[in-house]
Amino acid sequence: MTEPKTEQQRSWRDWVADLFSGDPMDRTEVLDMLQDAAERGIVNGGAFEIMDRTLRFSDMRARDIMIPRSQAVFIRADEPPQAFLAQVVQSKHSRFPVIGDDLDDIKGILHAKDLLPLLLEGGLDGFDIKDCIRPVTVVPESKRLHFMLQEFQQTRNHMAAVIDEYGHVSGVITIEDVLEQIVGEIEDEYDVDDDSFIKQHGAGSYTVKAVTPLREFNEYFKADFDEAACDTIGGAVLKELGRLPEREEKVSIGKFDFRVLHADRRRIQLLELNCREPA
């Protein structure tokens, strides 16, 4: 004898039946039904957020999420490794566009891991970057993200150069940038936990969320930033520079050396901090 359906199972069946019955619905109606399902506990909150992002994902284009060329870290093809190794280590990125005569002349992508055997074997003297760079994928600013994701999967490349209508490089985009539009921010070892503002990595080395309240920052580092002038440490950095900084930009304030790790066109998100005196 078949057991009777539970109320949750009946609700799920009814909800799915409602979703796919009747006249075709627009995206707003689908989102409304998903919201209703989440509120009724049929779909959990995390699943709803992913479905919501996925529906919005198809409208987004490369230009919406690319790293602008002014904030990307490029390596020149004619530079010896001694000239760019420090930049590779300091940026903590895994892939770098390699350029020729100018920023519009991208030769390929250098993977940081491809330098490791050379470093271990001490073979930098005969190093030729042309032997290490991999082909670069070039996409227009208008390319939709779902096609972008398919291309990344097919080519197995994780970075692409983005060009404008005139063929100039306007930025770069990574597979992580694309996936984050669906699953949310993907944190790495340099990110700060959601429930904390400051994370220490070593003696005098930290990552700090830009939204860290100045009061908390001052208490942690025994600093004396003016809490009346700004609310957050990100605001203090903005005030010092007098403008929105670019990614990788550096500024020193007192005993603190800041480097912008994450930023978009509207705000700073994450800072690297080196403190020249014990906290």
C-alpha atoms as a PDB file:
ATOM      1  CA  MET A   1       0.000   0.000   0.000  1.00  0.00           C
ATOM      2  CA  THR A   2       1.355   3.375  -1.001  1.00  0.00           C
ATOM      3  CA  GLU A   3       1.999   5.706   1.922  1.00  0.00           C
ATOM      4  CA  PRO A   4       0.176   9.039   1.776  1.00  0.00           C
ATOM      5  CA  LYS A   5       2.192  12.007   0.671  1.00  0.00           C
ATOM      6  CA  THR A   6       3.406  14.372   3.348  1.00  0.00           C
ATOM      7  CA  GLU A   7       2.248  17.973   3.338  1.00  0.00           C
ATOM      8  CA  GLN A   8       5.690  19.106   2.157  1.00  0.00           C
ATOM      9  CA  GLN A   9       5.642  16.615  -0.726  1.00  0.00           C
ATOM     10  CA  ARG A  10       2.168  17.750  -1.751  1.00  0.00           C
ATOM     11  CA  SER A  11       3.281  21.363  -1.560  1.00  0.00           C
ATOM     12  CA  TRP A  12       6.291  20.680  -3.773  1.00  0.00           C
ATOM     13  CA  ARG A  13       4.128  18.842  -6.330  1.00  0.00           C
ATOM     14  CA  ASP A  14       1.522  21.572  -6.337  1.00  0.00           C
ATOM     15  CA  TRP A  15       4.170  24.277  -6.635  1.00  0.00           C
ATOM     16  CA  VAL A  16       5.865  22.591  -9.605  1.00  0.00           C
ATOM     17  CA  ALA A  17       2.485  22.024 -11.254  1.00  0.00           C
ATOM     18  CA  ASP A  18       1.613  25.696 -10.816  1.00  0.00           C
ATOM     19  CA  LEU A  19       4.995  26.786 -12.160  1.00  0.00           C
ATOM     20  CA  PHE A  20       4.645  24.938 -15.443  1.00  0.00           C
ATOM     21  CA  SER A  21       0.913  25.235 -16.043  1.00  0.00           C
ATOM     22  CA  GLY A  22      -1.054  27.883 -17.910  1.00  0.00           C
ATOM     23  CA  ASP A  23       0.331  30.535 -20.203  1.00  0.00           C
ATOM     24  CA  PRO A  24       4.096  31.157 -20.382  1.00  0.00           C
ATOM     25  CA  MET A  25       5.270  33.425 -17.563  1.00  0.00           C
ATOM     26  CA  ASP A  26       7.886  36.147 -17.646  1.00  0.00           C
ATOM     27  CA  ARG A  27      10.954  36.138 -15.411  1.00  0.00           C
ATOM     28  CA  THR A  28       9.335  38.330 -12.774  1.00  0.00           C
ATOM     29  CA  GLU A  29       6.529  35.827 -12.271  1.00  0.00           C
ATOM     30  CA  VAL A  30       9.016  32.967 -12.015  1.00  0.00           C
ATOM     31  CA  LEU A  31      10.999  34.879  -9.387  1.00  0.00           C
ATOM     32  CA  ASP A  32       7.788  35.616  -7.476  1.00  0.00           C
ATOM     33  CA  MET A  33       6.920  31.904  -7.417  1.00  0.00           C
ATOM     34  CA  LEU A  34      10.446  30.993  -6.311  1.00  0.00           C
ATOM     35  CA  GLN A  35      10.211  33.590  -3.545  1.00  0.00           C
ATOM     36  CA  ASP A  36       6.883  32.129  -2.463  1.00  0.00           C
ATOM     37  CA  ALA A  37       8.382  28.617  -2.455  1.00  0.00           C
ATOM     38  CA  ALA A  38      11.288  29.830  -0.312  1.00  0.00           C
ATOM     39  CA  GLU A  39       8.945  31.520   2.160  1.00  0.00           C
ATOM     40  CA  ARG A  40       6.906  28.311   2.455  1.00  0.00           C
ATOM     41  CA  GLY A  41      10.032  26.249   3.095  1.00  0.00           C
ATOM     42  CA  ILE A  42       9.717  24.240  -0.128  1.00  0.00           C
ATOM     43  CA  VAL A  43      13.017  25.670  -1.389  1.00  0.00           C
ATOM     44  CA  ASN A  44      15.687  26.544   1.157  1.00  0.00           C
ATOM     45  CA  GLY A  45      17.184  30.021   1.237  1.00  0.00           C
ATOM     46  CA  GLY A  46      20.536  29.014  -0.284  1.00  0.00           C
ATOM     47  CA  ALA A  47      18.887  27.251  -3.219  1.00  0.00           C
ATOM     48  CA  PHE A  48      16.608  30.239  -3.809  1.00  0.00           C
ATOM     49  CA  GLU A  49      19.570  32.628  -3.921  1.00  0.00           C
ATOM     50  CA  ILE A  50      21.337  30.462  -6.517  1.00  0.00           C
ATOM     51  CA  MET A  51      18.184  30.172  -8.659  1.00  0.00           C
ATOM     52  CA  ASP A  52      17.628  33.926  -8.363  1.00  0.00           C
ATOM     53  CA  ARG A  53      21.211  34.664  -9.445  1.00  0.00           C
ATOM     54  CA  THR A  54      20.985  32.113 -12.258  1.00  0.00           C
ATOM     55  CA  LEU A  55      17.899  33.791 -13.722  1.00  0.00           C
ATOM     56  CA  ARG A  56      19.594  37.198 -13.624  1.00  0.00           C
ATOM     57  CA  PHE A  57      22.859  35.692 -14.907  1.00  0.00           C
ATOM     58  CA  SER A  58      21.625  35.325 -18.489  1.00  0.00           C
ATOM     59  CA  ASP A  59      21.177  39.103 -18.794  1.00  0.00           C
ATOM     60  CA  MET A  60      24.716  39.933 -17.727  1.00  0.00           C
ATOM     61  CA  ARG A  61      27.594  40.592 -20.105  1.00  0.00           C
ATOM     62  CA  ALA A  62      31.365  40.507 -19.856  1.00  0.00           C
ATOM     63  CA  ARG A  63      31.543  44.300 -19.460  1.00  0.00           C
ATOM     64  CA  ASP A  64      29.426  44.079 -16.268  1.00  0.00           C
ATOM     65  CA  ILE A  65      31.918  42.058 -14.250  1.00  0.00           C
ATOM     66  CA  MET A  66      35.304  42.352 -15.991  1.00  0.00           C
ATOM     67  CA  ILE A  67      38.380  43.644 -14.202  1.00  0.00           C
ATOM     68  CA  PRO A  68      39.097  46.998 -15.923  1.00  0.00           C
ATOM     69  CA  ARG A  69      42.475  47.192 -17.671  1.00  0.00           C
ATOM     70  CA  SER A  70      43.542  49.904 -15.234  1.00  0.00           C
ATOM     71  CA  GLN A  71      43.171  47.434 -12.365  1.00  0.00           C
ATOM     72  CA  ALA A  72      44.570  44.302 -14.034  1.00  0.00           C
ATOM     73  CA  VAL A  73      48.146  43.125 -13.489  1.00  0.00           C
ATOM     74  CA  PHE A  74      50.006  42.754 -16.793  1.00  0.00           C
ATOM     75  CA  ILE A  75      53.469  41.355 -17.525  1.00  0.00           C
ATOM     76  CA  ARG A  76      55.533  42.609 -20.426  1.00  0.00           C
ATOM     77  CA  ALA A  77      56.821  39.937 -22.802  1.00  0.00           C
ATOM     78  CA  ASP A  78      60.251  41.587 -23.056  1.00  0.00           C
ATOM     79  CA  GLU A  79      60.834  41.713 -19.286  1.00  0.00           C
ATOM     80  CA  PRO A  80      63.271  39.283 -17.665  1.00  0.00           C
ATOM     81  CA  PRO A  81      61.757  37.198 -14.850  1.00  0.00           C
ATOM     82  CA  GLN A  82      63.759  39.117 -12.256  1.00  0.00           C
ATOM     83  CA  ALA A  83      61.737  42.194 -13.254  1.00  0.00           C
ATOM     84  CA  PHE A  84      58.283  40.697 -12.709  1.00  0.00           C
ATOM     85  CA  LEU A  85      58.690  37.901 -10.124  1.00  0.00           C
ATOM     86  CA  ALA A  86      58.155  40.282  -7.220  1.00  0.00           C
ATOM     87  CA  GLN A  87      54.942  41.509  -8.865  1.00  0.00           C
ATOM     88  CA  VAL A  88      53.731  37.908  -9.337  1.00  0.00           C
ATOM     89  CA  VAL A  89      54.367  37.068  -5.693  1.00  0.00           C
ATOM     90  CA  GLN A  90      52.936  40.296  -4.330  1.00  0.00           C
ATOM     91  CA  SER A  91      49.724  40.234  -6.364  1.00  0.00           C
ATOM     92  CA  LYS A  92      48.931  36.637  -5.285  1.00  0.00           C
ATOM     93  CA  HIS A  93      47.183  36.019  -8.623  1.00  0.00           C
ATOM     94  CA  SER A  94      47.549  32.733 -10.475  1.00  0.00           C
ATOM     95  CA  ARG A  95      47.291  34.038 -14.067  1.00  0.00           C
ATOM     96  CA  PHE A  96      48.677  37.115 -15.788  1.00  0.00           C
ATOM     97  CA  PRO A  97      48.053  38.586 -19.262  1.00  0.00           C
ATOM     98  CA  VAL A  98      51.348  38.980 -21.117  1.00  0.00           C
ATOM     99  CA  ILE A  99      51.566  42.038 -23.381  1.00  0.00           C
ATOM    100  CA  GLY A 100      53.847  43.154 -26.184  1.00  0.00           C
ATOM    101  CA  ASP A 101      54.197  46.767 -27.298  1.00  0.00           C
ATOM    102  CA  ASP A 102      51.155  48.035 -25.378  1.00  0.00           C
ATOM    103  CA  LEU A 103      48.107  46.896 -23.400  1.00  0.00           C
ATOM    104  CA  ASP A 104      46.198  46.139 -26.600  1.00  0.00           C
ATOM    105  CA  ASP A 105      48.883  43.696 -27.730  1.00  0.00           C
ATOM    106  CA  ILE A 106      48.166  40.628 -25.580  1.00  0.00           C
ATOM    107  CA  LYS A 107      50.461  37.736 -26.428  1.00  0.00           C
ATOM    108  CA  GLY A 108      48.996  35.147 -24.083  1.00  0.00           C
ATOM    109  CA  ILE A 109      48.460  34.167 -20.454  1.00  0.00           C
ATOM    110  CA  LEU A 110      51.231  33.278 -18.014  1.00  0.00           C
ATOM    111  CA  HIS A 111      50.375  30.808 -15.238  1.00  0.00           C
ATOM    112  CA  ALA A 112      52.304  31.467 -12.051  1.00  0.00           C
ATOM    113  CA  LYS A 113      52.662  27.708 -11.477  1.00  0.00           C
ATOM    114  CA  ASP A 114      54.668  27.417 -14.712  1.00  0.00           C
ATOM    115  CA  LEU A 115      57.421  29.463 -13.076  1.00  0.00           C
ATOM    116  CA  LEU A 116      57.851  27.070 -10.144  1.00  0.00           C
ATOM    117  CA  PRO A 117      59.964  24.411 -11.949  1.00  0.00           C
ATOM    118  CA  LEU A 118      62.248  27.158 -13.238  1.00  0.00           C
ATOM    119  CA  LEU A 119      62.673  28.604  -9.773  1.00  0.00           C
ATOM    120  CA  LEU A 120      63.341  25.198  -8.216  1.00  0.00           C
ATOM    121  CA  GLU A 121      65.848  24.260 -10.895  1.00  0.00           C
ATOM    122  CA  GLY A 122      67.496  27.681 -10.963  1.00  0.00           C
ATOM    123  CA  GLY A 123      66.864  27.975 -14.677  1.00  0.00           C
ATOM    124  CA  LEU A 124      65.853  31.631 -14.882  1.00  0.00           C
ATOM    125  CA  ASP A 125      68.962  32.657 -16.791  1.00  0.00           C
ATOM    126  CA  GLY A 126      67.767  30.948 -19.954  1.00  0.00           C
ATOM    127  CA  PHE A 127      64.129  31.832 -19.382  1.00  0.00           C
ATOM    128  CA  ASP A 128      62.031  32.823 -22.397  1.00  0.00           C
ATOM    129  CA  ILE A 129      58.468  33.814 -21.567  1.00  0.00           C
ATOM    130  CA  LYS A 130      57.360  32.704 -25.043  1.00  0.00           C
ATOM    131  CA  ASP A 131      57.973  29.104 -23.944  1.00  0.00           C
ATOM    132  CA  CYS A 132      55.577  29.485 -20.998  1.00  0.00           C
ATOM    133  CA  ILE A 133      52.649  31.615 -22.120  1.00  0.00           C
ATOM    134  CA  ARG A 134      49.421  29.928 -23.126  1.00  0.00           C
ATOM    135  CA  PRO A 135      46.931  31.037 -25.781  1.00  0.00           C
ATOM    136  CA  VAL A 136      44.595  33.847 -24.782  1.00  0.00           C
ATOM    137  CA  THR A 137      40.842  33.838 -25.360  1.00  0.00           C
ATOM    138  CA  VAL A 138      39.523  37.196 -26.592  1.00  0.00           C
ATOM    139  CA  VAL A 139      35.854  38.118 -26.092  1.00  0.00           C
ATOM    140  CA  PRO A 140      33.801  41.253 -26.791  1.00  0.00           C
ATOM    141  CA  GLU A 141      32.416  43.345 -23.954  1.00  0.00           C
ATOM    142  CA  SER A 142      28.902  42.402 -25.095  1.00  0.00           C
ATOM    143  CA  LYS A 143      29.389  38.633 -24.672  1.00  0.00           C
ATOM    144  CA  ARG A 144      26.740  37.162 -22.377  1.00  0.00           C
ATOM    145  CA  LEU A 145      28.036  35.394 -19.302  1.00  0.00           C
ATOM    146  CA  HIS A 146      26.341  32.044 -19.963  1.00  0.00           C
ATOM    147  CA  PHE A 147      28.167  31.856 -23.313  1.00  0.00           C
ATOM    148  CA  MET A 148      31.318  33.011 -21.546  1.00  0.00           C
ATOM    149  CA  LEU A 149      31.036  30.128 -19.082  1.00  0.00           C
ATOM    150  CA  GLN A 150      30.514  27.629 -21.906  1.00  0.00           C
ATOM    151  CA  GLU A 151      33.625  28.937 -23.652  1.00  0.00           C
ATOM    152  CA  PHE A 152      35.705  28.621 -20.501  1.00  0.00           C
ATOM    153  CA  GLN A 153      34.539  25.019 -20.146  1.00  0.00           C
ATOM    154  CA  GLN A 154      35.244  24.147 -23.764  1.00  0.00           C
ATOM    155  CA  THR A 155      38.680  25.780 -24.011  1.00  0.00           C
ATOM    156  CA  ARG A 156      39.700  24.952 -20.421  1.00  0.00           C
ATOM    157  CA  ASN A 157      41.010  28.495 -20.140  1.00  0.00           C
ATOM    158  CA  HIS A 158      40.296  30.350 -16.916  1.00  0.00           C
ATOM    159  CA  MET A 159      41.040  33.892 -18.096  1.00  0.00           C
ATOM    160  CA  ALA A 160      40.052  35.901 -21.162  1.00  0.00           C
ATOM    161  CA  ALA A 161      40.832  39.357 -22.512  1.00  0.00           C
ATOM    162  CA  VAL A 162      37.822  41.620 -23.062  1.00  0.00           C
ATOM    163  CA  ILE A 163      37.848  44.029 -26.003  1.00  0.00           C
ATOM    164  CA  ASP A 164      35.622  46.980 -26.873  1.00  0.00           C
ATOM    165  CA  GLU A 165      34.000  47.738 -30.229  1.00  0.00           C
ATOM    166  CA  TYR A 166      37.234  49.270 -31.528  1.00  0.00           C
ATOM    167  CA  GLY A 167      39.334  46.221 -30.691  1.00  0.00           C
ATOM    168  CA  HIS A 168      41.050  47.802 -27.692  1.00  0.00           C
ATOM    169  CA  VAL A 169      41.525  45.705 -24.561  1.00  0.00           C
ATOM    170  CA  SER A 170      39.146  47.086 -21.947  1.00  0.00           C
ATOM    171  CA  GLY A 171      39.750  44.498 -19.246  1.00  0.00           C
ATOM    172  CA  VAL A 172      40.106  40.847 -18.327  1.00  0.00           C
ATOM    173  CA  ILE A 173      37.631  38.310 -16.975  1.00  0.00           C
ATOM    174  CA  THR A 174      38.174  35.017 -15.138  1.00  0.00           C
ATOM    175  CA  ILE A 175      36.048  31.925 -14.689  1.00  0.00           C
ATOM    176  CA  GLU A 176      35.880  32.756 -10.981  1.00  0.00           C
ATOM    177  CA  ASP A 177      34.359  36.160 -11.796  1.00  0.00           C
ATOM    178  CA  VAL A 178      31.668  34.385 -13.832  1.00  0.00           C
ATOM    179  CA  LEU A 179      30.914  31.634 -11.303  1.00  0.00           C
ATOM    180  CA  GLU A 180      30.604  34.153  -8.481  1.00  0.00           C
ATOM    181  CA  GLN A 181      27.584  35.646 -10.248  1.00  0.00           C
ATOM    182  CA  ILE A 182      25.788  32.323  -9.614  1.00  0.00           C
ATOM    183  CA  VAL A 183      27.164  30.970  -6.341  1.00  0.00           C
ATOM    184  CA  GLY A 184      28.200  34.211  -4.647  1.00  0.00           C
ATOM    185  CA  GLU A 185      31.689  35.331  -3.691  1.00  0.00           C
ATOM    186  CA  ILE A 186      34.289  32.559  -3.681  1.00  0.00           C
ATOM    187  CA  GLU A 187      36.694  33.229  -0.860  1.00  0.00           C
ATOM    188  CA  ASP A 188      40.333  32.207  -0.792  1.00  0.00           C
ATOM    189  CA  GLU A 189      42.980  32.122   1.920  1.00  0.00           C
ATOM    190  CA  TYR A 190      43.396  35.892   1.658  1.00  0.00           C
ATOM    191  CA  ASP A 191      39.747  36.655   2.273  1.00  0.00           C
ATOM    192  CA  VAL A 192      38.384  37.494   5.695  1.00  0.00           C
ATOM    193  CA  ASP A 193      35.757  35.325   7.376  1.00  0.00           C
ATOM    194  CA  ASP A 194      32.193  36.643   7.248  1.00  0.00           C
ATOM    195  CA  ASP A 195      32.057  37.057  11.026  1.00  0.00           C
ATOM    196  CA  SER A 196      35.329  38.948  11.354  1.00  0.00           C
ATOM    197  CA  PHE A 197      36.829  42.118   9.952  1.00  0.00           C
ATOM    198  CA  ILE A 198      40.551  41.483  10.381  1.00  0.00           C
ATOM    199  CA  LYS A 199      42.626  38.374   9.644  1.00  0.00           C
ATOM    200  CA  GLN A 200      46.303  38.020  10.485  1.00  0.00           C
ATOM    201  CA  HIS A 201      48.580  36.060   8.129  1.00  0.00           C
ATOM    202  CA  GLY A 202      51.945  36.604   9.744  1.00  0.00           C
ATOM    203  CA  ALA A 203      53.986  39.078  11.757  1.00  0.00           C
ATOM    204  CA  GLY A 204      52.650  42.484  10.761  1.00  0.00           C
ATOM    205  CA  SER A 205      50.674  41.106   7.783  1.00  0.00           C
ATOM    206  CA  TYR A 206      46.865  41.259   7.654  1.00  0.00           C
ATOM    207  CA  THR A 207      43.834  41.354   5.402  1.00  0.00           C
ATOM    208  CA  VAL A 208      41.194  43.843   6.492  1.00  0.00           C
ATOM    209  CA  LYS A 209      37.666  44.366   5.231  1.00  0.00           C
ATOM    210  CA  ALA A 210      37.194  47.939   4.054  1.00  0.00           C
ATOM    211  CA  VAL A 211      33.951  48.117   6.085  1.00  0.00           C
ATOM    212  CA  THR A 212      35.856  47.556   9.344  1.00  0.00           C
ATOM    213  CA  PRO A 213      34.614  50.251  11.758  1.00  0.00           C
ATOM    214  CA  LEU A 214      37.396  52.679  12.610  1.00  0.00           C
ATOM    215  CA  ARG A 215      36.689  52.195  16.295  1.00  0.00           C
ATOM    216  CA  GLU A 216      37.384  48.463  15.989  1.00  0.00           C
ATOM    217  CA  PHE A 217      40.432  49.087  13.799  1.00  0.00           C
ATOM    218  CA  ASN A 218      41.851  51.575  16.317  1.00  0.00           C
ATOM    219  CA  GLU A 219      41.290  49.162  19.198  1.00  0.00           C
ATOM    220  CA  TYR A 220      42.871  46.223  17.391  1.00  0.00           C
ATOM    221  CA  PHE A 221      45.966  48.069  16.166  1.00  0.00           C
ATOM    222  CA  LYS A 222      46.186  50.659  18.950  1.00  0.00           C
ATOM    223  CA  ALA A 223      45.827  53.300  16.244  1.00  0.00           C
ATOM    224  CA  ASP A 224      44.428  56.823  16.394  1.00  0.00           C
ATOM    225  CA  PHE A 225      42.455  57.294  13.147  1.00  0.00           C
ATOM    226  CA  ASP A 226      39.908  60.106  13.496  1.00  0.00           C
ATOM    227  CA  GLU A 227      36.593  58.330  14.115  1.00  0.00           C
ATOM    228  CA  ALA A 228      34.701  61.586  13.631  1.00  0.00           C
ATOM    229  CA  ALA A 229      36.055  62.038  10.104  1.00  0.00           C
ATOM    230  CA  CYS A 230      35.278  58.520   8.807  1.00  0.00           C
ATOM    231  CA  ASP A 231      33.257  55.514   9.859  1.00  0.00           C
ATOM    232  CA  THR A 232      35.406  52.754   8.323  1.00  0.00           C
ATOM    233  CA  ILE A 233      39.023  52.033   7.469  1.00  0.00           C
ATOM    234  CA  GLY A 234      38.030  51.996   3.803  1.00  0.00           C
ATOM    235  CA  GLY A 235      36.745  55.532   4.245  1.00  0.00           C
ATOM    236  CA  ALA A 236      40.059  56.563   5.817  1.00  0.00           C
ATOM    237  CA  VAL A 237      41.970  55.188   2.823  1.00  0.00           C
ATOM    238  CA  LEU A 238      39.618  57.003   0.427  1.00  0.00           C
ATOM    239  CA  LYS A 239      40.060  60.237   2.376  1.00  0.00           C
ATOM    240  CA  GLU A 240      43.851  59.920   2.221  1.00  0.00           C
ATOM    241  CA  LEU A 241      43.849  59.348  -1.541  1.00  0.00           C
ATOM    242  CA  GLY A 242      41.064  61.801  -2.340  1.00  0.00           C
ATOM    243  CA  ARG A 243      39.560  59.408  -4.916  1.00  0.00           C
ATOM    244  CA  LEU A 244      38.492  55.806  -5.436  1.00  0.00           C
ATOM    245  CA  PRO A 245      41.687  53.743  -5.732  1.00  0.00           C
ATOM    246  CA  GLU A 246      42.360  51.037  -8.279  1.00  0.00           C
ATOM    247  CA  ARG A 247      43.080  47.420  -7.465  1.00  0.00           C
ATOM    248  CA  GLU A 248      46.718  46.882  -6.384  1.00  0.00           C
ATOM    249  CA  GLU A 249      47.093  50.572  -5.566  1.00  0.00           C
ATOM    250  CA  LYS A 250      49.087  51.314  -2.423  1.00  0.00           C
ATOM    251  CA  VAL A 251      48.985  54.042   0.188  1.00  0.00           C
ATOM    252  CA  SER A 252      50.800  54.533   3.477  1.00  0.00           C
ATOM    253  CA  ILE A 253      49.178  56.199   6.480  1.00  0.00           C
ATOM    254  CA  GLY A 254      51.389  56.486   9.532  1.00  0.00           C
ATOM    255  CA  LYS A 255      52.781  53.055  10.389  1.00  0.00           C
ATOM    256  CA  PHE A 256      50.316  51.289   8.085  1.00  0.00           C
ATOM    257  CA  ASP A 257      50.998  50.282   4.474  1.00  0.00           C
ATOM    258  CA  PHE A 258      47.742  49.489   2.643  1.00  0.00           C
ATOM    259  CA  ARG A 259      47.260  47.710  -0.697  1.00  0.00           C
ATOM    260  CA  VAL A 260      43.857  47.426  -2.352  1.00  0.00           C
ATOM    261  CA  LEU A 261      43.070  43.743  -2.962  1.00  0.00           C
ATOM    262  CA  HIS A 262      39.430  43.933  -4.032  1.00  0.00           C
ATOM    263  CA  ALA A 263      37.545  46.960  -5.335  1.00  0.00           C
ATOM    264  CA  ASP A 264      34.863  47.717  -7.868  1.00  0.00           C
ATOM    265  CA  ARG A 265      33.793  50.950  -9.522  1.00  0.00           C
ATOM    266  CA  ARG A 266      31.910  52.095  -6.429  1.00  0.00           C
ATOM    267  CA  ARG A 267      33.822  51.024  -3.335  1.00  0.00           C
ATOM    268  CA  ILE A 268      36.853  49.353  -1.785  1.00  0.00           C
ATOM    269  CA  GLN A 269      36.104  45.858  -0.496  1.00  0.00           C
ATOM    270  CA  LEU A 270      39.292  44.325   0.867  1.00  0.00           C
ATOM    271  CA  LEU A 271      42.680  45.680   1.913  1.00  0.00           C
ATOM    272  CA  GLU A 272      46.054  44.103   2.546  1.00  0.00           C
ATOM    273  CA  LEU A 273      47.780  45.708   5.502  1.00  0.00           C
ATOM    274  CA  ASN A 274      51.399  45.646   6.605  1.00  0.00           C
ATOM    275  CA  CYS A 275      52.043  47.205   9.982  1.00  0.00           C
ATOM    276  CA  ARG A 276      55.572  48.490  10.478  1.00  0.00           C
ATOM    277  CA  GLU A 277      55.225  48.477  14.262  1.00  0.00           C
ATOM    278  CA  PRO A 278      53.788  45.731  16.522  1.00  0.00           C
ATOM    279  CA  ALA A 279      50.008  45.976  16.988  1.00  0.00           C
END
